[in-house]
């Protein structure tokens, strides 16, 4: 069966992006959130926030 990336409905804090990526990769979503936060701090939050918003609109919800 083919794996697909979806926004998470169960592991979400804001939009389900990190939860969905964690489920897709088989990694705890908390690890994804920590990596995302570290990258966001490194870009003065602008890069991480913009990428998160874009991902919320690009990654589909499970139907």
C-alpha atoms as a PDB file:
ATOM      1  CA  UNK A   1       0.000   0.000   0.000  1.00  0.00           C
ATOM      2  CA  UNK A   2       1.276   3.448  -0.915  1.00  0.00           C
ATOM      3  CA  UNK A   3       2.006   5.853   1.948  1.00  0.00           C
ATOM      4  CA  UNK A   4       0.577   9.343   1.601  1.00  0.00           C
ATOM      5  CA  UNK A   5       1.173  12.484   3.604  1.00  0.00           C
ATOM      6  CA  UNK A   6      -1.915  13.941   5.269  1.00  0.00           C
ATOM      7  CA  UNK A   7      -2.575  16.499   7.983  1.00  0.00           C
ATOM      8  CA  UNK A   8      -3.113  14.689  11.258  1.00  0.00           C
ATOM      9  CA  UNK A   9      -6.538  14.838  12.876  1.00  0.00           C
ATOM     10  CA  UNK A  10      -5.362  13.164  16.081  1.00  0.00           C
ATOM     11  CA  UNK A  11      -1.835  14.545  16.590  1.00  0.00           C
ATOM     12  CA  UNK A  12      -2.413  18.215  16.019  1.00  0.00           C
ATOM     13  CA  UNK A  13      -1.744  21.312  18.047  1.00  0.00           C
ATOM     14  CA  UNK A  14      -2.321  24.011  15.429  1.00  0.00           C
ATOM     15  CA  UNK A  15      -2.950  22.583  11.980  1.00  0.00           C
ATOM     16  CA  UNK A  16      -1.747  18.988  12.104  1.00  0.00           C
ATOM     17  CA  UNK A  17       1.327  19.551   9.913  1.00  0.00           C
ATOM     18  CA  UNK A  18       3.962  18.210  12.332  1.00  0.00           C
ATOM     19  CA  UNK A  19       1.663  15.385  13.428  1.00  0.00           C
ATOM     20  CA  UNK A  20       1.071  14.378   9.821  1.00  0.00           C
ATOM     21  CA  UNK A  21       4.778  14.466   8.987  1.00  0.00           C
ATOM     22  CA  UNK A  22       5.517  12.404  12.099  1.00  0.00           C
ATOM     23  CA  UNK A  23       2.888   9.809  11.180  1.00  0.00           C
ATOM     24  CA  UNK A  24       4.190   9.655   7.601  1.00  0.00           C
ATOM     25  CA  UNK A  25       7.809   9.144   8.707  1.00  0.00           C
ATOM     26  CA  UNK A  26       6.935   6.893  11.655  1.00  0.00           C
ATOM     27  CA  UNK A  27       8.499   9.339  14.126  1.00  0.00           C
ATOM     28  CA  UNK A  28       7.004  10.812  17.292  1.00  0.00           C
ATOM     29  CA  UNK A  29       5.427  14.150  16.261  1.00  0.00           C
ATOM     30  CA  UNK A  30       7.055  15.799  19.287  1.00  0.00           C
ATOM     31  CA  UNK A  31      10.460  15.262  17.656  1.00  0.00           C
ATOM     32  CA  UNK A  32       9.193  16.924  14.460  1.00  0.00           C
ATOM     33  CA  UNK A  33       7.822  19.835  16.506  1.00  0.00           C
ATOM     34  CA  UNK A  34      11.148  20.310  18.317  1.00  0.00           C
ATOM     35  CA  UNK A  35      13.088  20.267  15.031  1.00  0.00           C
ATOM     36  CA  UNK A  36      10.584  22.701  13.480  1.00  0.00           C
ATOM     37  CA  UNK A  37      10.868  25.016  16.496  1.00  0.00           C
ATOM     38  CA  UNK A  38      14.677  24.956  16.365  1.00  0.00           C
ATOM     39  CA  UNK A  39      14.655  25.778  12.653  1.00  0.00           C
ATOM     40  CA  UNK A  40      12.108  28.526  13.246  1.00  0.00           C
ATOM     41  CA  UNK A  41      14.235  30.145  15.944  1.00  0.00           C
ATOM     42  CA  UNK A  42      17.201  30.033  13.573  1.00  0.00           C
ATOM     43  CA  UNK A  43      15.251  32.010  10.978  1.00  0.00           C
ATOM     44  CA  UNK A  44      13.750  34.528  13.431  1.00  0.00           C
ATOM     45  CA  UNK A  45      10.424  32.588  13.264  1.00  0.00           C
ATOM     46  CA  UNK A  46       9.593  33.997   9.823  1.00  0.00           C
ATOM     47  CA  UNK A  47      10.753  30.987   7.793  1.00  0.00           C
ATOM     48  CA  UNK A  48       9.182  28.394  10.068  1.00  0.00           C
ATOM     49  CA  UNK A  49       5.856  30.192  10.367  1.00  0.00           C
ATOM     50  CA  UNK A  50       5.593  30.870   6.634  1.00  0.00           C
ATOM     51  CA  UNK A  51       6.483  27.259   5.763  1.00  0.00           C
ATOM     52  CA  UNK A  52       3.970  25.953   8.318  1.00  0.00           C
ATOM     53  CA  UNK A  53       1.160  28.064   6.859  1.00  0.00           C
ATOM     54  CA  UNK A  54       2.049  26.987   3.322  1.00  0.00           C
ATOM     55  CA  UNK A  55       2.137  23.330   4.434  1.00  0.00           C
ATOM     56  CA  UNK A  56      -1.323  23.683   6.021  1.00  0.00           C
ATOM     57  CA  UNK A  57      -2.741  24.637   2.633  1.00  0.00           C
ATOM     58  CA  UNK A  58      -0.722  22.203   0.488  1.00  0.00           C
ATOM     59  CA  UNK A  59      -0.953  18.978   2.532  1.00  0.00           C
ATOM     60  CA  UNK A  60      -4.444  17.468   2.159  1.00  0.00           C
ATOM     61  CA  UNK A  61      -6.711  16.325   4.978  1.00  0.00           C
ATOM     62  CA  UNK A  62      -7.678  12.673   5.133  1.00  0.00           C
ATOM     63  CA  UNK A  63     -11.131  12.256   3.615  1.00  0.00           C
END
